[in-house]
């Protein structure tokens, strides 16, 4: 009985970990795109976008 419960818990946790890995692989990296846009702005204007 105990081994069956442990088996099901292991399967559920394994599937959950797979879902987490797939989520992080599919998620876009918006921070990198924002940083690149800010660097392009700096190259064109000589100051960062959030500076006056």
Protein backbone atom coordinates (compact mmCIF):
# COMPACT_ATOMS: atom_id res chain seq x y z
CA UNK A 1 0.00 0.00 0.00
CA UNK A 2 2.74 2.45 0.99
CA UNK A 3 4.76 1.72 -2.15
CA UNK A 4 1.73 2.32 -4.38
CA UNK A 5 1.11 5.71 -2.78
CA UNK A 6 4.79 6.59 -3.03
CA UNK A 7 4.75 5.54 -6.67
CA UNK A 8 1.81 7.79 -7.52
CA UNK A 9 3.34 10.71 -5.64
CA UNK A 10 6.60 10.22 -7.55
CA UNK A 11 4.78 10.16 -10.88
CA UNK A 12 2.82 13.32 -10.06
CA UNK A 13 5.94 15.16 -8.89
CA UNK A 14 7.85 14.04 -11.98
CA UNK A 15 5.12 15.33 -14.28
CA UNK A 16 5.00 18.60 -12.35
CA UNK A 17 8.75 19.06 -12.74
CA UNK A 18 8.45 18.37 -16.49
CA UNK A 19 5.72 21.01 -16.70
CA UNK A 20 7.92 23.55 -14.89
CA UNK A 21 10.85 22.88 -17.22
CA UNK A 22 8.64 23.21 -20.30
CA UNK A 23 7.18 26.45 -18.92
CA UNK A 24 10.63 28.02 -18.47
CA UNK A 25 11.75 26.86 -21.90
CA UNK A 26 8.64 28.29 -23.59
CA UNK A 27 8.60 31.59 -21.67
CA UNK A 28 9.91 34.56 -23.60
CA UNK A 29 12.85 36.44 -22.18
CA UNK A 30 11.39 39.96 -22.13
CA UNK A 31 14.19 41.35 -19.96
CA UNK A 32 16.77 40.63 -22.64
CA UNK A 33 14.67 42.33 -25.34
CA UNK A 34 14.12 45.40 -23.12
CA UNK A 35 17.84 45.64 -22.38
CA UNK A 36 18.71 45.40 -26.07
CA UNK A 37 16.18 48.12 -26.94
CA UNK A 38 17.61 50.37 -24.21
CA UNK A 39 21.15 49.84 -25.54
CA UNK A 40 20.04 50.69 -29.08
CA UNK A 41 18.39 53.87 -27.74
CA UNK A 42 21.61 54.76 -25.89
CA UNK A 43 23.68 54.25 -29.05
CA UNK A 44 21.35 56.52 -31.05
CA UNK A 45 20.77 59.30 -28.49
CA UNK A 46 23.75 59.21 -26.10
CA UNK A 47 21.68 58.71 -22.92
CA UNK A 48 19.51 56.01 -21.41
CA UNK A 49 15.74 56.09 -22.11
CA UNK A 50 14.84 56.70 -18.45
CA UNK A 51 17.17 59.71 -18.12
CA UNK A 52 15.88 63.26 -18.66
